[in-house]
């Protein structure tokens, strides 16, 4: 029988300086940039915090450290916990049912699925790494998501993109780097992570893990954790690092766990350059 998630096990990712927390579904418009916001103002427009289950928070934090050290990237997290009410409201936007999850299904309403955009520095500041298509790209035929070179350019199986052939290779390598970082982080923490095949940006715990838990509704959450109707003063207290004692303990546990793994498993590898598969093949 599925059990309820302890809400104190939901971690505010905003508290980790290695991560940029940017709840895109709180935006009012489909603004330009590295996202395709198909659900403007799905969340309250003043929602600022992204919450993740502590297991996924640990993986994401370690992946961010890996991306920074090995690739000079930073990770922008644009969504994670998405309560049942948000999933219900998604149906009001009129998209085909195969493009949105049924309410209560998947990792998002448990804080166990996360959407990540890698960024790199340029003369214009931090910009999205070329991943072929932007976050939340909707394909014309989502049932082709697992077919290589099909119509879903967001699929991990898609390998051809507009522009010179080198761009397709660059996109493939960039996607491989992101997946490497997240998978390597999960392995180092003795966890498993599923890179959703249809979306390069989506990583989640496996169904056999998240299905052990009931999906979360707004009513289940602390007032500071709600994204549809948040207590803004309580949320501000979280951003000011005034956390409930039980939540603070979980945040500190995540930080300590990641630092121990980082200083152990990764310290000797930090100065080693990332070698793309193409170079290994030519060696």
Protein backbone atom coordinates (compact mmCIF):
# COMPACT_ATOMS: atom_id res chain seq x y z
CA UNK A 1 0.00 0.00 0.00
CA UNK A 2 1.28 3.45 -0.92
CA UNK A 3 2.19 5.73 1.95
CA UNK A 4 2.17 9.49 2.37
CA UNK A 5 5.32 11.56 1.91
CA UNK A 6 6.52 13.45 4.98
CA UNK A 7 6.33 17.06 3.81
CA UNK A 8 9.51 17.85 5.76
CA UNK A 9 11.29 15.57 3.30
CA UNK A 10 10.52 18.11 0.55
CA UNK A 11 13.58 20.34 0.20
CA UNK A 12 13.64 23.97 -1.09
CA UNK A 13 16.22 23.89 -3.89
CA UNK A 14 16.56 27.67 -3.70
CA UNK A 15 18.78 27.26 -0.64
CA UNK A 16 21.58 25.64 -2.61
CA UNK A 17 23.81 28.25 -4.31
CA UNK A 18 24.92 25.67 -6.89
CA UNK A 19 21.37 25.56 -8.29
CA UNK A 20 19.25 28.27 -9.94
CA UNK A 21 15.61 27.70 -9.02
CA UNK A 22 13.29 29.25 -11.61
CA UNK A 23 9.64 28.07 -11.38
CA UNK A 24 8.72 28.76 -15.00
CA UNK A 25 5.04 27.88 -14.59
CA UNK A 26 4.62 30.89 -12.31
CA UNK A 27 5.33 33.24 -15.21
CA UNK A 28 2.47 35.19 -16.71
CA UNK A 29 3.40 34.81 -20.36
CA UNK A 30 5.18 32.49 -22.75
CA UNK A 31 8.22 34.73 -22.50
CA UNK A 32 11.19 34.25 -24.84
CA UNK A 33 14.21 32.41 -23.59
CA UNK A 34 15.29 28.83 -22.92
CA UNK A 35 11.74 27.62 -22.18
CA UNK A 36 8.48 27.07 -23.99
CA UNK A 37 5.99 27.94 -21.26
CA UNK A 38 2.83 26.23 -22.44
CA UNK A 39 1.21 26.74 -19.03
CA UNK A 40 1.58 30.43 -18.13
CA UNK A 41 0.59 31.21 -14.56
CA UNK A 42 -0.19 27.60 -13.79
CA UNK A 43 1.28 28.44 -10.40
CA UNK A 44 0.70 31.57 -8.35
CA UNK A 45 2.65 34.42 -10.03
CA UNK A 46 4.66 35.04 -6.86
CA UNK A 47 5.71 31.43 -6.39
CA UNK A 48 9.50 31.46 -6.10
CA UNK A 49 10.44 28.16 -4.48
CA UNK A 50 10.96 24.80 -6.17
CA UNK A 51 10.57 21.82 -3.87
CA UNK A 52 12.12 18.39 -4.37
CA UNK A 53 12.03 15.16 -2.41
CA UNK A 54 15.25 14.88 -0.42
CA UNK A 55 16.52 11.92 -2.48
CA UNK A 56 16.13 13.81 -5.74
CA UNK A 57 17.46 17.00 -4.13
CA UNK A 58 20.70 15.20 -3.23
CA UNK A 59 21.13 13.87 -6.76
CA UNK A 60 20.43 17.28 -8.30
CA UNK A 61 22.81 19.10 -5.98
CA UNK A 62 25.64 16.66 -6.69
CA UNK A 63 24.88 16.79 -10.44
CA UNK A 64 25.15 20.59 -10.29
CA UNK A 65 28.57 20.32 -8.67
CA UNK A 66 29.68 17.84 -11.34
CA UNK A 67 28.45 20.09 -14.15
CA UNK A 68 30.26 23.08 -12.67
CA UNK A 69 33.57 21.29 -12.12
CA UNK A 70 33.72 19.24 -15.30
CA UNK A 71 31.88 21.37 -17.87
CA UNK A 72 31.78 24.90 -16.38
CA UNK A 73 27.99 24.71 -16.52
CA UNK A 74 25.36 25.64 -13.99
CA UNK A 75 21.96 23.97 -13.64
CA UNK A 76 18.68 25.87 -13.80
CA UNK A 77 15.80 23.89 -12.31
CA UNK A 78 12.46 25.00 -13.75
CA UNK A 79 10.04 22.53 -12.15
CA UNK A 80 9.89 19.63 -9.72
CA UNK A 81 7.03 19.23 -7.25
CA UNK A 82 3.81 19.71 -9.21
CA UNK A 83 0.77 18.96 -7.03
CA UNK A 84 -2.35 17.20 -8.23
CA UNK A 85 -4.24 20.49 -8.56
CA UNK A 86 -1.64 21.79 -11.02
CA UNK A 87 -1.91 18.63 -13.10
CA UNK A 88 -5.70 18.99 -13.12
CA UNK A 89 -5.45 22.59 -14.26
CA UNK A 90 -3.10 21.66 -17.11
CA UNK A 91 -6.08 20.09 -18.86
CA UNK A 92 -7.66 23.56 -19.11
CA UNK A 93 -4.95 24.71 -21.53
CA UNK A 94 -6.34 22.52 -24.32
CA UNK A 95 -3.34 20.37 -25.22
CA UNK A 96 -3.67 16.73 -26.36
CA UNK A 97 -3.86 14.32 -23.44
CA UNK A 98 -0.66 12.53 -24.52
CA UNK A 99 1.30 15.74 -23.89
CA UNK A 100 0.30 16.09 -20.23
CA UNK A 101 0.27 13.60 -17.37
CA UNK A 102 -2.94 12.37 -15.85
CA UNK A 103 -3.55 13.93 -12.41
CA UNK A 104 -1.80 11.99 -9.67
CA UNK A 105 0.50 10.08 -12.01
CA UNK A 106 4.24 10.30 -12.52
CA UNK A 107 7.04 11.63 -10.39
CA UNK A 108 6.13 15.33 -10.39
CA UNK A 109 3.22 15.16 -7.89
CA UNK A 110 5.62 13.46 -5.47
CA UNK A 111 8.59 15.81 -5.89
CA UNK A 112 10.42 12.91 -7.56
CA UNK A 113 10.74 14.25 -11.11
CA UNK A 114 12.77 17.31 -12.03
CA UNK A 115 13.18 19.49 -15.12
CA UNK A 116 16.70 20.82 -15.66
CA UNK A 117 18.29 23.26 -18.11
CA UNK A 118 22.12 23.44 -18.31
CA UNK A 119 23.61 26.89 -18.83
CA UNK A 120 27.05 28.21 -19.74
CA UNK A 121 28.63 31.63 -19.55
CA UNK A 122 28.88 33.82 -22.62
CA UNK A 123 29.56 37.50 -23.29
CA UNK A 124 25.83 38.04 -22.80
CA UNK A 125 25.84 36.25 -19.43
CA UNK A 126 24.48 32.81 -18.65
CA UNK A 127 22.75 31.19 -21.64
CA UNK A 128 21.29 27.76 -22.29
CA UNK A 129 23.66 25.14 -23.60
CA UNK A 130 22.52 24.04 -27.07
CA UNK A 131 20.33 21.01 -26.38
CA UNK A 132 18.65 20.98 -29.80
CA UNK A 133 15.31 22.33 -28.60
CA UNK A 134 14.21 24.34 -25.60
CA UNK A 135 12.60 23.00 -22.44
CA UNK A 136 8.98 21.86 -22.83
CA UNK A 137 9.24 21.53 -26.60
CA UNK A 138 5.99 19.92 -27.77
CA UNK A 139 6.38 17.66 -30.79
CA UNK A 140 3.72 17.30 -33.46
CA UNK A 141 3.51 13.53 -32.96
CA UNK A 142 4.45 12.57 -29.38
CA UNK A 143 3.78 8.89 -30.07
CA UNK A 144 6.99 8.96 -32.16
CA UNK A 145 9.04 9.96 -29.11
CA UNK A 146 11.05 6.76 -29.03
CA UNK A 147 11.77 6.62 -32.76
CA UNK A 148 15.22 7.86 -33.69
CA UNK A 149 15.05 10.93 -35.95
CA UNK A 150 11.27 11.07 -35.53
CA UNK A 151 9.28 14.24 -35.01
CA UNK A 152 9.99 14.70 -31.31
CA UNK A 153 13.18 16.73 -31.29
CA UNK A 154 13.09 16.74 -27.48
CA UNK A 155 13.46 12.97 -27.39
CA UNK A 156 16.80 11.60 -26.28
CA UNK A 157 16.69 9.36 -29.36
CA UNK A 158 16.58 12.28 -31.78
CA UNK A 159 19.97 12.93 -33.37
CA UNK A 160 19.42 15.28 -36.33
CA UNK A 161 18.97 19.00 -35.89
CA UNK A 162 18.86 22.06 -38.13
CA UNK A 163 22.21 23.49 -39.16
CA UNK A 164 25.56 21.93 -40.04
CA UNK A 165 26.24 18.32 -39.15
CA UNK A 166 28.59 19.45 -36.39
CA UNK A 167 25.65 20.98 -34.53
CA UNK A 168 23.90 17.63 -34.37
CA UNK A 169 27.05 16.14 -32.87
CA UNK A 170 27.38 19.03 -30.40
CA UNK A 171 23.77 18.60 -29.28
CA UNK A 172 24.27 14.88 -28.84
CA UNK A 173 27.38 15.47 -26.74
CA UNK A 174 25.67 18.16 -24.63
CA UNK A 175 22.75 15.85 -23.88
CA UNK A 176 25.21 13.08 -23.07
CA UNK A 177 27.10 15.35 -20.67
CA UNK A 178 23.95 16.31 -18.78
CA UNK A 179 22.80 12.72 -18.53
CA UNK A 180 26.30 11.66 -17.47
CA UNK A 181 26.31 14.21 -14.64
CA UNK A 182 22.90 13.22 -13.30
CA UNK A 183 23.50 9.47 -13.63
CA UNK A 184 26.97 9.77 -12.08
CA UNK A 185 25.52 11.72 -9.17
CA UNK A 186 22.82 9.12 -8.57
CA UNK A 187 25.33 6.25 -8.70
CA UNK A 188 27.67 7.99 -6.25
CA UNK A 189 24.76 8.38 -3.82
CA UNK A 190 23.72 4.72 -4.23
CA UNK A 191 20.52 5.79 -5.97
CA UNK A 192 19.02 5.19 -9.40
CA UNK A 193 17.64 7.85 -11.75
CA UNK A 194 15.55 7.53 -14.89
CA UNK A 195 16.28 9.88 -17.79
CA UNK A 196 12.80 10.18 -19.35
CA UNK A 197 13.23 9.10 -23.00
CA UNK A 198 10.76 11.63 -24.43
CA UNK A 199 12.29 14.76 -22.84
CA UNK A 200 16.00 15.56 -22.54
CA UNK A 201 15.33 17.85 -19.55
CA UNK A 202 13.33 15.39 -17.41
CA UNK A 203 14.98 13.15 -14.79
CA UNK A 204 13.05 11.19 -12.19
CA UNK A 205 13.19 8.38 -9.72
CA UNK A 206 12.02 5.10 -11.20
CA UNK A 207 8.29 4.25 -11.05
CA UNK A 208 8.95 1.36 -8.67
CA UNK A 209 10.20 4.00 -6.23
CA UNK A 210 7.75 6.88 -6.63
CA UNK A 211 4.71 4.61 -6.89
CA UNK A 212 5.34 3.57 -3.29
CA UNK A 213 4.07 7.01 -2.31
CA UNK A 214 0.78 8.81 -2.70
CA UNK A 215 0.61 11.84 -4.96
CA UNK A 216 0.61 15.17 -3.16
CA UNK A 217 -2.16 17.74 -3.22
CA UNK A 218 -1.91 21.36 -2.08
CA UNK A 219 -3.79 20.48 1.11
CA UNK A 220 -1.07 18.00 2.04
CA UNK A 221 1.64 20.65 1.97
CA UNK A 222 2.81 23.20 4.49
CA UNK A 223 1.53 26.70 3.58
CA UNK A 224 5.05 27.74 2.53
CA UNK A 225 5.27 24.77 0.12
CA UNK A 226 2.12 25.42 -1.87
CA UNK A 227 2.62 26.60 -5.44
CA UNK A 228 -0.98 27.32 -6.43
CA UNK A 229 -1.97 29.29 -3.33
CA UNK A 230 1.18 29.82 -1.27
CA UNK A 231 1.50 31.63 2.02
CA UNK A 232 3.86 34.29 0.71
CA UNK A 233 5.12 35.36 4.13
CA UNK A 234 5.88 31.76 5.07
CA UNK A 235 7.60 31.25 1.71
CA UNK A 236 9.70 34.37 2.28
CA UNK A 237 10.79 32.94 5.62
CA UNK A 238 12.06 29.85 3.80
CA UNK A 239 14.03 31.99 1.35
CA UNK A 240 15.46 33.84 4.37
CA UNK A 241 16.54 30.43 5.68
CA UNK A 242 14.07 30.46 8.58
CA UNK A 243 13.05 26.83 8.25
CA UNK A 244 11.05 24.51 10.51
CA UNK A 245 13.46 22.43 12.58
CA UNK A 246 12.60 19.14 10.89
CA UNK A 247 13.03 20.65 7.42
CA UNK A 248 16.31 22.29 8.39
CA UNK A 249 17.58 18.91 9.56
CA UNK A 250 16.75 17.36 6.17
CA UNK A 251 18.40 20.23 4.27
CA UNK A 252 21.56 19.95 6.35
CA UNK A 253 21.56 16.18 5.89
CA UNK A 254 21.40 16.61 2.10
CA UNK A 255 24.25 19.13 2.16
CA UNK A 256 26.40 16.96 4.40
CA UNK A 257 25.76 13.81 2.37
CA UNK A 258 26.63 15.51 -0.92
CA UNK A 259 29.80 17.11 0.51
CA UNK A 260 30.99 13.76 1.86
CA UNK A 261 30.51 12.08 -1.51
CA UNK A 262 32.02 15.01 -3.39
CA UNK A 263 35.13 15.14 -1.22
CA UNK A 264 35.51 11.39 -1.45
CA UNK A 265 34.49 10.03 -4.84
CA UNK A 266 35.12 13.12 -6.97
CA UNK A 267 38.05 15.00 -5.47
CA UNK A 268 40.62 13.02 -7.46
CA UNK A 269 38.66 13.44 -10.70
CA UNK A 270 38.04 17.19 -10.65
CA UNK A 271 41.20 18.07 -12.62
CA UNK A 272 40.64 15.36 -15.20
CA UNK A 273 39.08 16.75 -18.39
CA UNK A 274 35.85 15.32 -19.72
CA UNK A 275 36.69 13.23 -22.80
CA UNK A 276 33.86 13.02 -25.37
CA UNK A 277 32.99 9.63 -26.77
CA UNK A 278 34.16 10.71 -30.22
CA UNK A 279 37.67 11.34 -28.92
CA UNK A 280 37.71 7.98 -27.17
CA UNK A 281 36.68 6.32 -30.42
CA UNK A 282 39.52 8.03 -32.28
CA UNK A 283 42.13 7.10 -29.67
